[in-house]
C-alpha atoms as a PDB file:
ATOM      1  CA  UNK A   1       0.000   0.000   0.000  1.00  0.00           C
ATOM      2  CA  UNK A   2       1.170   3.522  -0.848  1.00  0.00           C
ATOM      3  CA  UNK A   3      -0.087   6.944   0.209  1.00  0.00           C
ATOM      4  CA  UNK A   4       0.289  10.219  -1.725  1.00  0.00           C
ATOM      5  CA  UNK A   5      -0.179  13.891  -0.781  1.00  0.00           C
ATOM      6  CA  UNK A   6       0.263  16.908  -3.048  1.00  0.00           C
ATOM      7  CA  UNK A   7       2.126  19.674  -1.249  1.00  0.00           C
ATOM      8  CA  UNK A   8       2.717  21.915  -4.286  1.00  0.00           C
ATOM      9  CA  UNK A   9       0.602  22.248  -7.420  1.00  0.00           C
ATOM     10  CA  UNK A  10      -2.345  20.241  -8.702  1.00  0.00           C
ATOM     11  CA  UNK A  11      -2.349  16.622  -9.907  1.00  0.00           C
ATOM     12  CA  UNK A  12      -4.572  14.001 -11.462  1.00  0.00           C
ATOM     13  CA  UNK A  13      -4.023  10.516 -10.097  1.00  0.00           C
ATOM     14  CA  UNK A  14      -5.008   7.880 -12.642  1.00  0.00           C
ATOM     15  CA  UNK A  15      -5.833   4.502 -11.118  1.00  0.00           C
ATOM     16  CA  UNK A  16      -6.656   1.233 -12.830  1.00  0.00           C
ATOM     17  CA  UNK A  17      -7.423  -2.179 -11.394  1.00  0.00           C
ATOM     18  CA  UNK A  18      -5.413  -4.638 -13.542  1.00  0.00           C
ATOM     19  CA  UNK A  19      -7.881  -7.482 -12.947  1.00  0.00           C
ATOM     20  CA  UNK A  20     -11.102  -5.624 -13.869  1.00  0.00           C
ATOM     21  CA  UNK A  21      -9.560  -2.780 -15.939  1.00  0.00           C
ATOM     22  CA  UNK A  22     -11.855  -0.404 -14.001  1.00  0.00           C
ATOM     23  CA  UNK A  23     -10.426   3.126 -14.090  1.00  0.00           C
ATOM     24  CA  UNK A  24     -10.755   6.091 -11.782  1.00  0.00           C
ATOM     25  CA  UNK A  25      -9.233   9.586 -11.824  1.00  0.00           C
ATOM     26  CA  UNK A  26      -8.821  11.646  -8.661  1.00  0.00           C
ATOM     27  CA  UNK A  27      -7.623  15.238  -8.325  1.00  0.00           C
ATOM     28  CA  UNK A  28      -5.433  16.408  -5.463  1.00  0.00           C
ATOM     29  CA  UNK A  29      -3.993  19.863  -4.880  1.00  0.00           C
ATOM     30  CA  UNK A  30      -2.179  21.935  -2.318  1.00  0.00           C
ATOM     31  CA  UNK A  31      -5.313  24.111  -2.045  1.00  0.00           C
ATOM     32  CA  UNK A  32      -7.264  21.228  -0.454  1.00  0.00           C
ATOM     33  CA  UNK A  33      -4.802  18.958   1.352  1.00  0.00           C
ATOM     34  CA  UNK A  34      -5.786  15.283   1.219  1.00  0.00           C
ATOM     35  CA  UNK A  35      -4.028  11.932   1.275  1.00  0.00           C
ATOM     36  CA  UNK A  36      -4.731   9.270  -1.318  1.00  0.00           C
ATOM     37  CA  UNK A  37      -4.322   5.584  -0.378  1.00  0.00           C
ATOM     38  CA  UNK A  38      -3.436   3.253  -3.263  1.00  0.00           C
ATOM     39  CA  UNK A  39      -3.685  -0.446  -2.394  1.00  0.00           C
ATOM     40  CA  UNK A  40      -0.978  -2.876  -3.448  1.00  0.00           C
ATOM     41  CA  UNK A  41      -1.463  -4.142  -6.995  1.00  0.00           C
ATOM     42  CA  UNK A  42      -3.341  -1.050  -8.227  1.00  0.00           C
ATOM     43  CA  UNK A  43      -1.802   0.487 -11.374  1.00  0.00           C
ATOM     44  CA  UNK A  44      -1.323   4.218 -10.907  1.00  0.00           C
ATOM     45  CA  UNK A  45       0.157   7.303 -12.552  1.00  0.00           C
ATOM     46  CA  UNK A  46       0.432  10.960 -11.565  1.00  0.00           C
ATOM     47  CA  UNK A  47      -0.175  13.806 -14.055  1.00  0.00           C
ATOM     48  CA  UNK A  48       0.839  17.418 -13.344  1.00  0.00           C
ATOM     49  CA  UNK A  49      -2.185  19.578 -14.218  1.00  0.00           C
ATOM     50  CA  UNK A  50      -0.535  22.944 -13.705  1.00  0.00           C
ATOM     51  CA  UNK A  51       1.918  25.082 -15.575  1.00  0.00           C
ATOM     52  CA  UNK A  52       4.246  25.092 -12.557  1.00  0.00           C
ATOM     53  CA  UNK A  53       5.958  22.518 -10.410  1.00  0.00           C
ATOM     54  CA  UNK A  54       4.221  19.562  -8.823  1.00  0.00           C
ATOM     55  CA  UNK A  55       5.557  18.169  -5.553  1.00  0.00           C
ATOM     56  CA  UNK A  56       4.086  14.942  -4.214  1.00  0.00           C
ATOM     57  CA  UNK A  57       5.028  13.238  -0.961  1.00  0.00           C
ATOM     58  CA  UNK A  58       4.748   9.452  -1.209  1.00  0.00           C
ATOM     59  CA  UNK A  59       5.217   6.771   1.408  1.00  0.00           C
ATOM     60  CA  UNK A  60       4.616   3.036   1.596  1.00  0.00           C
ATOM     61  CA  UNK A  61       3.995   0.338   4.167  1.00  0.00           C
ATOM     62  CA  UNK A  62       7.341  -1.321   3.352  1.00  0.00           C
ATOM     63  CA  UNK A  63      10.681  -0.380   1.719  1.00  0.00           C
ATOM     64  CA  UNK A  64      10.728  -0.206  -2.082  1.00  0.00           C
ATOM     65  CA  UNK A  65      11.787  -3.451  -3.781  1.00  0.00           C
ATOM     66  CA  UNK A  66      12.540  -2.928  -7.507  1.00  0.00           C
ATOM     67  CA  UNK A  67      11.944  -6.650  -8.153  1.00  0.00           C
ATOM     68  CA  UNK A  68       8.367  -6.237  -6.890  1.00  0.00           C
ATOM     69  CA  UNK A  69       7.373  -3.676  -9.556  1.00  0.00           C
ATOM     70  CA  UNK A  70       4.950  -4.830 -12.247  1.00  0.00           C
ATOM     71  CA  UNK A  71       4.829  -2.824 -15.480  1.00  0.00           C
ATOM     72  CA  UNK A  72       1.325  -2.109 -16.709  1.00  0.00           C
ATOM     73  CA  UNK A  73       0.895  -1.466 -20.420  1.00  0.00           C
ATOM     74  CA  UNK A  74      -1.651   1.117 -21.503  1.00  0.00           C
ATOM     75  CA  UNK A  75      -1.035   0.632 -25.202  1.00  0.00           C
ATOM     76  CA  UNK A  76      -4.160   1.557 -27.116  1.00  0.00           C
ATOM     77  CA  UNK A  77      -5.650   3.327 -24.090  1.00  0.00           C
ATOM     78  CA  UNK A  78      -5.680   6.905 -22.873  1.00  0.00           C
ATOM     79  CA  UNK A  79      -2.889   7.877 -20.513  1.00  0.00           C
ATOM     80  CA  UNK A  80      -2.381   6.042 -17.278  1.00  0.00           C
END
């Protein structure tokens, strides 16, 4: 599980469940501080919506393991 908070700028978080292909977009910004929880196994991407910098703080329930990363292809789909 990972958590994300935008501390500068405005972002769209694009989420997709690899098993159902269900998609969801959420917007976070410094103007309305919130924390987004992304469960393990959920494909996700972050898009900067502003003309300026985007700063996101991210943390996880365990140390990053590069061998535990699964690439998720979005070929033929809108951005993710």
